[in-house]
PDB file of N, CA and C in Angstrom:
ATOM      1  N   MET A   1     208.394  74.807  48.307  1.00  0.00           N
ATOM      2  CA  MET A   1     207.299  74.374  48.981  1.00  0.00           C
ATOM      3  C   MET A   1     206.912  72.904  48.816  1.00  0.00           C
ATOM      4  N   THR A   2     206.712  72.146  49.777  1.00  0.00           N
ATOM      5  CA  THR A   2     206.589  70.672  49.563  1.00  0.00           C
ATOM      6  C   THR A   2     205.038  70.288  50.006  1.00  0.00           C
ATOM      7  N   PHE A   3     204.604  69.366  49.615  1.00  0.00           N
ATOM      8  CA  PHE A   3     203.139  69.018  49.997  1.00  0.00           C
ATOM      9  C   PHE A   3     202.982  67.603  50.397  1.00  0.00           C
ATOM     10  N   ASP A   4     202.435  67.085  51.419  1.00  0.00           N
ATOM     11  CA  ASP A   4     202.336  65.829  51.927  1.00  0.00           C
ATOM     12  C   ASP A   4     201.499  65.221  50.972  1.00  0.00           C
ATOM     13  N   CYS A   5     200.534  65.787  50.093  1.00  0.00           N
ATOM     14  CA  CYS A   5     199.666  65.168  49.381  1.00  0.00           C
ATOM     15  C   CYS A   5     199.348  65.972  48.311  1.00  0.00           C
ATOM     16  N   LEU A   6     199.578  65.466  47.123  1.00  0.00           N
ATOM     17  CA  LEU A   6     199.153  66.237  45.872  1.00  0.00           C
ATOM     18  C   LEU A   6     197.715  66.321  45.666  1.00  0.00           C
ATOM     19  N   PRO A   7     197.192  67.198  44.754  1.00  0.00           N
ATOM     20  CA  PRO A   7     195.811  67.400  44.673  1.00  0.00           C
ATOM     21  C   PRO A   7     195.101  66.190  44.129  1.00  0.00           C
ATOM     22  N   HIS A   8     195.690  65.529  43.250  1.00  0.00           N
ATOM     23  CA  HIS A   8     195.111  64.469  42.720  1.00  0.00           C
ATOM     24  C   HIS A   8     195.024  63.162  43.729  1.00  0.00           C
ATOM     25  N   GLN A   9     196.127  63.329  44.688  1.00  0.00           N
ATOM     26  CA  GLN A   9     195.967  62.094  45.717  1.00  0.00           C
ATOM     27  C   GLN A   9     194.963  62.603  46.892  1.00  0.00           C
ATOM     28  N   ALA A  10     194.681  63.787  46.858  1.00  0.00           N
ATOM     29  CA  ALA A  10     193.615  64.173  47.954  1.00  0.00           C
ATOM     30  C   ALA A  10     192.236  64.079  47.502  1.00  0.00           C
ATOM     31  N   GLY A  11     192.051  63.735  46.207  1.00  0.00           N
ATOM     32  CA  GLY A  11     190.578  63.765  45.673  1.00  0.00           C
ATOM     33  C   GLY A  11     190.147  65.113  45.274  1.00  0.00           C
ATOM     34  N   ALA A  12     191.049  66.059  44.912  1.00  0.00           N
ATOM     35  CA  ALA A  12     190.330  67.303  44.808  1.00  0.00           C
ATOM     36  C   ALA A  12     189.950  67.425  43.108  1.00  0.00           C
ATOM     37  N   ILE A  13     190.458  66.667  42.438  1.00  0.00           N
ATOM     38  CA  ILE A  13     190.101  66.986  40.975  1.00  0.00           C
ATOM     39  C   ILE A  13     188.715  66.311  40.681  1.00  0.00           C
ATOM     40  N   PRO A  14     188.119  65.315  41.022  1.00  0.00           N
ATOM     41  CA  PRO A  14     186.686  64.906  40.530  1.00  0.00           C
ATOM     42  C   PRO A  14     185.896  66.118  41.362  1.00  0.00           C
ATOM     43  N   HIS A  15     186.043  66.763  42.370  1.00  0.00           N
ATOM     44  CA  HIS A  15     185.152  67.852  42.724  1.00  0.00           C
ATOM     45  C   HIS A  15     185.122  68.957  41.696  1.00  0.00           C
ATOM     46  N   LEU A  16     186.374  69.299  41.452  1.00  0.00           N
ATOM     47  CA  LEU A  16     186.598  70.555  40.410  1.00  0.00           C
ATOM     48  C   LEU A  16     185.895  70.297  39.123  1.00  0.00           C
ATOM     49  N   VAL A  17     186.131  68.857  38.516  1.00  0.00           N
ATOM     50  CA  VAL A  17     185.509  68.514  37.295  1.00  0.00           C
ATOM     51  C   VAL A  17     183.995  68.767  37.433  1.00  0.00           C
ATOM     52  N   GLY A  18     183.465  68.407  38.675  1.00  0.00           N
ATOM     53  CA  GLY A  18     182.014  68.413  39.057  1.00  0.00           C
ATOM     54  C   GLY A  18     181.446  69.838  38.948  1.00  0.00           C
ATOM     55  N   LEU A  19     182.269  70.862  39.128  1.00  0.00           N
ATOM     56  CA  LEU A  19     181.838  72.304  39.166  1.00  0.00           C
ATOM     57  C   LEU A  19     181.822  72.819  37.601  1.00  0.00           C
ATOM     58  N   LEU A  20     182.377  72.174  36.679  1.00  0.00           N
ATOM     59  CA  LEU A  20     182.575  72.641  35.405  1.00  0.00           C
ATOM     60  C   LEU A  20     181.199  72.785  34.825  1.00  0.00           C
ATOM     61  N   ASP A  21     180.079  72.190  35.076  1.00  0.00           N
ATOM     62  CA  ASP A  21     178.797  72.359  34.678  1.00  0.00           C
ATOM     63  C   ASP A  21     178.161  73.647  34.739  1.00  0.00           C
ATOM     64  N   GLY A  22     178.576  74.283  35.779  1.00  0.00           N
ATOM     65  CA  GLY A  22     178.017  75.773  36.088  1.00  0.00           C
ATOM     66  C   GLY A  22     176.793  75.549  36.981  1.00  0.00           C
ATOM     67  N   THR A  23     176.574  74.600  37.357  1.00  0.00           N
ATOM     68  CA  THR A  23     175.328  74.453  38.448  1.00  0.00           C
ATOM     69  C   THR A  23     175.502  75.094  39.768  1.00  0.00           C
ATOM     70  N   CYS A  24     176.641  75.365  40.031  1.00  0.00           N
ATOM     71  CA  CYS A  24     176.904  76.278  41.114  1.00  0.00           C
ATOM     72  C   CYS A  24     177.261  77.554  40.949  1.00  0.00           C
ATOM     73  N   GLY A  25     176.933  78.198  39.671  1.00  0.00           N
ATOM     74  CA  GLY A  25     177.149  79.447  39.222  1.00  0.00           C
ATOM     75  C   GLY A  25     178.414  79.718  38.344  1.00  0.00           C
ATOM     76  N   ASP A  26     178.480  80.976  37.665  1.00  0.00           N
ATOM     77  CA  ASP A  26     179.500  81.130  37.024  1.00  0.00           C
ATOM     78  C   ASP A  26     180.857  81.073  37.561  1.00  0.00           C
ATOM     79  N   PRO A  27     181.020  81.827  38.766  1.00  0.00           N
ATOM     80  CA  PRO A  27     182.217  82.166  39.637  1.00  0.00           C
ATOM     81  C   PRO A  27     182.841  80.744  39.863  1.00  0.00           C
ATOM     82  N   ALA A  28     182.093  79.790  40.341  1.00  0.00           N
ATOM     83  CA  ALA A  28     182.318  78.475  40.669  1.00  0.00           C
ATOM     84  C   ALA A  28     183.125  77.727  39.440  1.00  0.00           C
ATOM     85  N   GLN A  29     182.273  77.880  38.278  1.00  0.00           N
ATOM     86  CA  GLN A  29     182.590  77.342  37.263  1.00  0.00           C
ATOM     87  C   GLN A  29     184.221  77.999  36.619  1.00  0.00           C
ATOM     88  N   GLU A  30     184.147  79.238  36.817  1.00  0.00           N
ATOM     89  CA  GLU A  30     185.546  79.726  36.249  1.00  0.00           C
ATOM     90  C   GLU A  30     186.532  79.444  37.238  1.00  0.00           C
ATOM     91  N   GLU A  31     186.317  79.299  38.485  1.00  0.00           N
ATOM     92  CA  GLU A  31     187.473  78.957  39.507  1.00  0.00           C
ATOM     93  C   GLU A  31     187.888  77.443  39.181  1.00  0.00           C
ATOM     94  N   ALA A  32     187.173  76.763  38.982  1.00  0.00           N
ATOM     95  CA  ALA A  32     187.213  75.391  38.660  1.00  0.00           C
ATOM     96  C   ALA A  32     187.987  74.967  37.518  1.00  0.00           C
ATOM     97  N   ALA A  33     187.613  75.654  36.402  1.00  0.00           N
ATOM     98  CA  ALA A  33     188.240  75.605  35.172  1.00  0.00           C
ATOM     99  C   ALA A  33     189.781  76.275  35.450  1.00  0.00           C
ATOM    100  N   GLY A  34     189.895  77.276  36.192  1.00  0.00           N
ATOM    101  CA  GLY A  34     191.314  77.781  36.411  1.00  0.00           C
ATOM    102  C   GLY A  34     191.990  76.969  36.980  1.00  0.00           C
ATOM    103  N   ALA A  35     191.467  76.320  38.071  1.00  0.00           N
ATOM    104  CA  ALA A  35     192.203  75.481  38.983  1.00  0.00           C
ATOM    105  C   ALA A  35     192.700  74.218  38.217  1.00  0.00           C
ATOM    106  N   LEU A  36     191.778  73.527  37.363  1.00  0.00           N
ATOM    107  CA  LEU A  36     192.226  72.600  36.590  1.00  0.00           C
ATOM    108  C   LEU A  36     193.294  72.889  35.581  1.00  0.00           C
ATOM    109  N   TYR A  37     193.217  74.084  35.164  1.00  0.00           N
ATOM    110  CA  TYR A  37     194.332  74.868  34.205  1.00  0.00           C
ATOM    111  C   TYR A  37     195.600  74.773  34.830  1.00  0.00           C
ATOM    112  N   SER A  38     195.731  75.165  36.186  1.00  0.00           N
ATOM    113  CA  SER A  38     197.011  75.113  36.909  1.00  0.00           C
ATOM    114  C   SER A  38     197.467  73.984  37.229  1.00  0.00           C
ATOM    115  N   LEU A  39     196.569  73.050  37.582  1.00  0.00           N
ATOM    116  CA  LEU A  39     196.856  71.577  37.827  1.00  0.00           C
ATOM    117  C   LEU A  39     197.542  70.851  36.901  1.00  0.00           C
ATOM    118  N   ALA A  40     197.015  71.091  35.641  1.00  0.00           N
ATOM    119  CA  ALA A  40     197.274  70.375  34.525  1.00  0.00           C
ATOM    120  C   ALA A  40     198.818  70.489  33.990  1.00  0.00           C
ATOM    121  N   ASP A  41     199.541  71.572  34.784  1.00  0.00           N
ATOM    122  CA  ASP A  41     200.974  71.579  34.551  1.00  0.00           C
ATOM    123  C   ASP A  41     201.746  70.153  35.003  1.00  0.00           C
ATOM    124  N   ASP A  42     201.106  69.359  35.684  1.00  0.00           N
ATOM    125  CA  ASP A  42     201.825  68.142  36.436  1.00  0.00           C
ATOM    126  C   ASP A  42     201.189  66.922  35.497  1.00  0.00           C
ATOM    127  N   ASN A  43     201.972  66.147  35.013  1.00  0.00           N
ATOM    128  CA  ASN A  43     201.471  65.058  34.182  1.00  0.00           C
ATOM    129  C   ASN A  43     200.412  64.052  35.074  1.00  0.00           C
ATOM    130  N   SER A  44     200.702  63.765  36.347  1.00  0.00           N
ATOM    131  CA  SER A  44     199.990  62.949  37.224  1.00  0.00           C
ATOM    132  C   SER A  44     198.493  63.558  37.271  1.00  0.00           C
ATOM    133  N   ASN A  45     198.389  64.938  37.504  1.00  0.00           N
ATOM    134  CA  ASN A  45     197.132  65.572  37.503  1.00  0.00           C
ATOM    135  C   ASN A  45     196.494  65.767  36.156  1.00  0.00           C
ATOM    136  N   ARG A  46     197.123  65.949  35.243  1.00  0.00           N
ATOM    137  CA  ARG A  46     196.541  65.627  33.838  1.00  0.00           C
ATOM    138  C   ARG A  46     195.727  64.503  33.639  1.00  0.00           C
ATOM    139  N   LEU A  47     196.539  63.292  34.282  1.00  0.00           N
ATOM    140  CA  LEU A  47     195.811  61.990  34.121  1.00  0.00           C
ATOM    141  C   LEU A  47     194.698  61.840  34.964  1.00  0.00           C
ATOM    142  N   ALA A  48     194.743  62.458  36.174  1.00  0.00           N
ATOM    143  CA  ALA A  48     193.693  62.371  37.203  1.00  0.00           C
ATOM    144  C   ALA A  48     192.682  63.239  36.414  1.00  0.00           C
ATOM    145  N   ILE A  49     192.786  64.434  35.884  1.00  0.00           N
ATOM    146  CA  ILE A  49     191.618  64.930  35.036  1.00  0.00           C
ATOM    147  C   ILE A  49     190.963  64.232  34.035  1.00  0.00           C
ATOM    148  N   THR A  50     191.661  63.501  33.238  1.00  0.00           N
ATOM    149  CA  THR A  50     191.295  62.823  32.267  1.00  0.00           C
ATOM    150  C   THR A  50     190.265  61.621  32.982  1.00  0.00           C
ATOM    151  N   GLU A  51     191.035  61.039  34.202  1.00  0.00           N
ATOM    152  CA  GLU A  51     190.184  59.761  34.479  1.00  0.00           C
ATOM    153  C   GLU A  51     189.036  60.327  35.375  1.00  0.00           C
ATOM    154  N   ALA A  52     188.695  61.367  35.919  1.00  0.00           N
ATOM    155  CA  ALA A  52     187.804  62.228  36.281  1.00  0.00           C
ATOM    156  C   ALA A  52     186.707  62.478  35.399  1.00  0.00           C
ATOM    157  N   GLY A  53     187.010  62.336  34.278  1.00  0.00           N
ATOM    158  CA  GLY A  53     186.086  62.783  33.063  1.00  0.00           C
ATOM    159  C   GLY A  53     185.953  64.312  32.866  1.00  0.00           C
ATOM    160  N   GLY A  54     187.107  64.774  33.110  1.00  0.00           N
ATOM    161  CA  GLY A  54     187.195  66.327  32.898  1.00  0.00           C
ATOM    162  C   GLY A  54     187.292  66.795  31.293  1.00  0.00           C
ATOM    163  N   ILE A  55     188.014  65.964  30.582  1.00  0.00           N
ATOM    164  CA  ILE A  55     188.103  66.478  29.179  1.00  0.00           C
ATOM    165  C   ILE A  55     186.848  66.685  28.591  1.00  0.00           C
ATOM    166  N   GLY A  56     185.619  65.886  28.828  1.00  0.00           N
ATOM    167  CA  GLY A  56     184.363  66.369  28.094  1.00  0.00           C
ATOM    168  C   GLY A  56     183.873  67.738  28.392  1.00  0.00           C
ATOM    169  N   PRO A  57     183.722  67.748  29.888  1.00  0.00           N
ATOM    170  CA  PRO A  57     183.206  69.182  30.381  1.00  0.00           C
ATOM    171  C   PRO A  57     184.049  70.412  30.045  1.00  0.00           C
ATOM    172  N   LEU A  58     185.450  70.079  29.850  1.00  0.00           N
ATOM    173  CA  LEU A  58     186.379  71.161  29.404  1.00  0.00           C
ATOM    174  C   LEU A  58     186.081  71.471  27.744  1.00  0.00           C
ATOM    175  N   VAL A  59     185.910  70.606  27.108  1.00  0.00           N
ATOM    176  CA  VAL A  59     185.543  70.761  25.531  1.00  0.00           C
ATOM    177  C   VAL A  59     184.309  71.474  25.397  1.00  0.00           C
ATOM    178  N   GLU A  60     183.231  71.052  26.405  1.00  0.00           N
ATOM    179  CA  GLU A  60     182.140  71.816  26.159  1.00  0.00           C
ATOM    180  C   GLU A  60     182.174  73.352  26.622  1.00  0.00           C
ATOM    181  N   LEU A  61     182.938  73.578  27.475  1.00  0.00           N
ATOM    182  CA  LEU A  61     183.366  74.964  28.026  1.00  0.00           C
ATOM    183  C   LEU A  61     183.711  75.839  26.730  1.00  0.00           C
ATOM    184  N   LEU A  62     184.361  75.118  25.738  1.00  0.00           N
ATOM    185  CA  LEU A  62     184.823  75.871  24.469  1.00  0.00           C
ATOM    186  C   LEU A  62     183.632  76.629  23.911  1.00  0.00           C
ATOM    187  N   GLY A  63     182.262  76.228  24.125  1.00  0.00           N
ATOM    188  CA  GLY A  63     181.272  76.924  23.625  1.00  0.00           C
ATOM    189  C   GLY A  63     180.326  77.725  24.801  1.00  0.00           C
ATOM    190  N   SER A  64     180.952  77.814  25.901  1.00  0.00           N
ATOM    191  CA  SER A  64     180.190  78.350  26.740  1.00  0.00           C
ATOM    192  C   SER A  64     180.100  80.126  26.594  1.00  0.00           C
ATOM    193  N   ARG A  65     179.127  80.494  26.963  1.00  0.00           N
ATOM    194  CA  ARG A  65     178.949  82.077  27.184  1.00  0.00           C
ATOM    195  C   ARG A  65     179.871  82.774  28.264  1.00  0.00           C
ATOM    196  N   ASN A  66     180.378  81.856  29.222  1.00  0.00           N
ATOM    197  CA  ASN A  66     181.159  82.375  30.242  1.00  0.00           C
ATOM    198  C   ASN A  66     182.570  82.470  29.615  1.00  0.00           C
ATOM    199  N   SER A  67     183.008  83.651  29.554  1.00  0.00           N
ATOM    200  CA  SER A  67     184.149  83.949  28.837  1.00  0.00           C
ATOM    201  C   SER A  67     185.565  83.500  29.568  1.00  0.00           C
ATOM    202  N   ARG A  68     185.289  83.667  30.775  1.00  0.00           N
ATOM    203  CA  ARG A  68     186.659  83.059  31.734  1.00  0.00           C
ATOM    204  C   ARG A  68     186.861  81.866  31.941  1.00  0.00           C
ATOM    205  N   ALA A  69     185.591  81.267  31.996  1.00  0.00           N
ATOM    206  CA  ALA A  69     185.708  79.754  31.951  1.00  0.00           C
ATOM    207  C   ALA A  69     185.953  79.309  30.739  1.00  0.00           C
ATOM    208  N   ARG A  70     185.742  79.894  29.570  1.00  0.00           N
ATOM    209  CA  ARG A  70     185.966  79.351  28.265  1.00  0.00           C
ATOM    210  C   ARG A  70     187.427  79.313  27.958  1.00  0.00           C
ATOM    211  N   LYS A  71     187.989  80.483  28.457  1.00  0.00           N
ATOM    212  CA  LYS A  71     189.494  80.816  28.329  1.00  0.00           C
ATOM    213  C   LYS A  71     190.438  79.833  29.067  1.00  0.00           C
ATOM    214  N   HIS A  72     189.819  79.599  30.174  1.00  0.00           N
ATOM    215  CA  HIS A  72     190.554  78.508  31.204  1.00  0.00           C
ATOM    216  C   HIS A  72     190.680  77.208  30.441  1.00  0.00           C
ATOM    217  N   ALA A  73     189.399  76.906  29.841  1.00  0.00           N
ATOM    218  CA  ALA A  73     189.434  75.725  29.197  1.00  0.00           C
ATOM    219  C   ALA A  73     190.153  75.539  28.061  1.00  0.00           C
ATOM    220  N   GLU A  74     190.150  76.762  27.326  1.00  0.00           N
ATOM    221  CA  GLU A  74     191.011  76.567  25.951  1.00  0.00           C
ATOM    222  C   GLU A  74     192.582  76.400  26.358  1.00  0.00           C
ATOM    223  N   VAL A  75     192.949  77.120  27.272  1.00  0.00           N
ATOM    224  CA  VAL A  75     194.404  76.899  27.674  1.00  0.00           C
ATOM    225  C   VAL A  75     194.569  75.514  28.407  1.00  0.00           C
ATOM    226  N   GLY A  76     193.635  75.038  29.210  1.00  0.00           N
ATOM    227  CA  GLY A  76     193.834  73.975  29.978  1.00  0.00           C
ATOM    228  C   GLY A  76     193.817  72.582  28.914  1.00  0.00           C
ATOM    229  N   LEU A  77     193.245  72.653  27.675  1.00  0.00           N
ATOM    230  CA  LEU A  77     193.241  71.576  26.823  1.00  0.00           C
ATOM    231  C   LEU A  77     194.450  71.619  26.055  1.00  0.00           C
ATOM    232  N   LEU A  78     195.197  72.768  26.110  1.00  0.00           N
ATOM    233  CA  LEU A  78     196.374  72.864  25.268  1.00  0.00           C
ATOM    234  C   LEU A  78     197.603  71.757  25.631  1.00  0.00           C
ATOM    235  N   PRO A  79     198.404  71.284  24.816  1.00  0.00           N
ATOM    236  CA  PRO A  79     199.527  70.228  25.256  1.00  0.00           C
ATOM    237  C   PRO A  79     200.591  71.172  25.782  1.00  0.00           C
ATOM    238  N   ARG A  80     200.943  70.548  26.918  1.00  0.00           N
ATOM    239  CA  ARG A  80     202.197  71.097  27.563  1.00  0.00           C
ATOM    240  C   ARG A  80     203.570  70.486  27.246  1.00  0.00           C
ATOM    241  N   HIS A  81     204.320  71.341  27.386  1.00  0.00           N
ATOM    242  CA  HIS A  81     205.969  70.614  26.891  1.00  0.00           C
ATOM    243  C   HIS A  81     206.706  70.719  28.279  1.00  0.00           C
TER     244      HIS A  81
END
């Protein structure tokens, strides 16, 4: 499968980062954290997550009562090889 535009090029990452605060509800927070985890497989997406200010909110999720969002944040912050 090929894409004409990658997620970071489409501007999706800042919107996902914005959902991490939980103001749109736990399901949105969980899905955003999961999407960022999946996107972080690509180095350019990891850079875009960092540039969008995503590291701080992901770190904050490590202390969240929302276990699914916390788990996505845990694995999303791990280094990839």
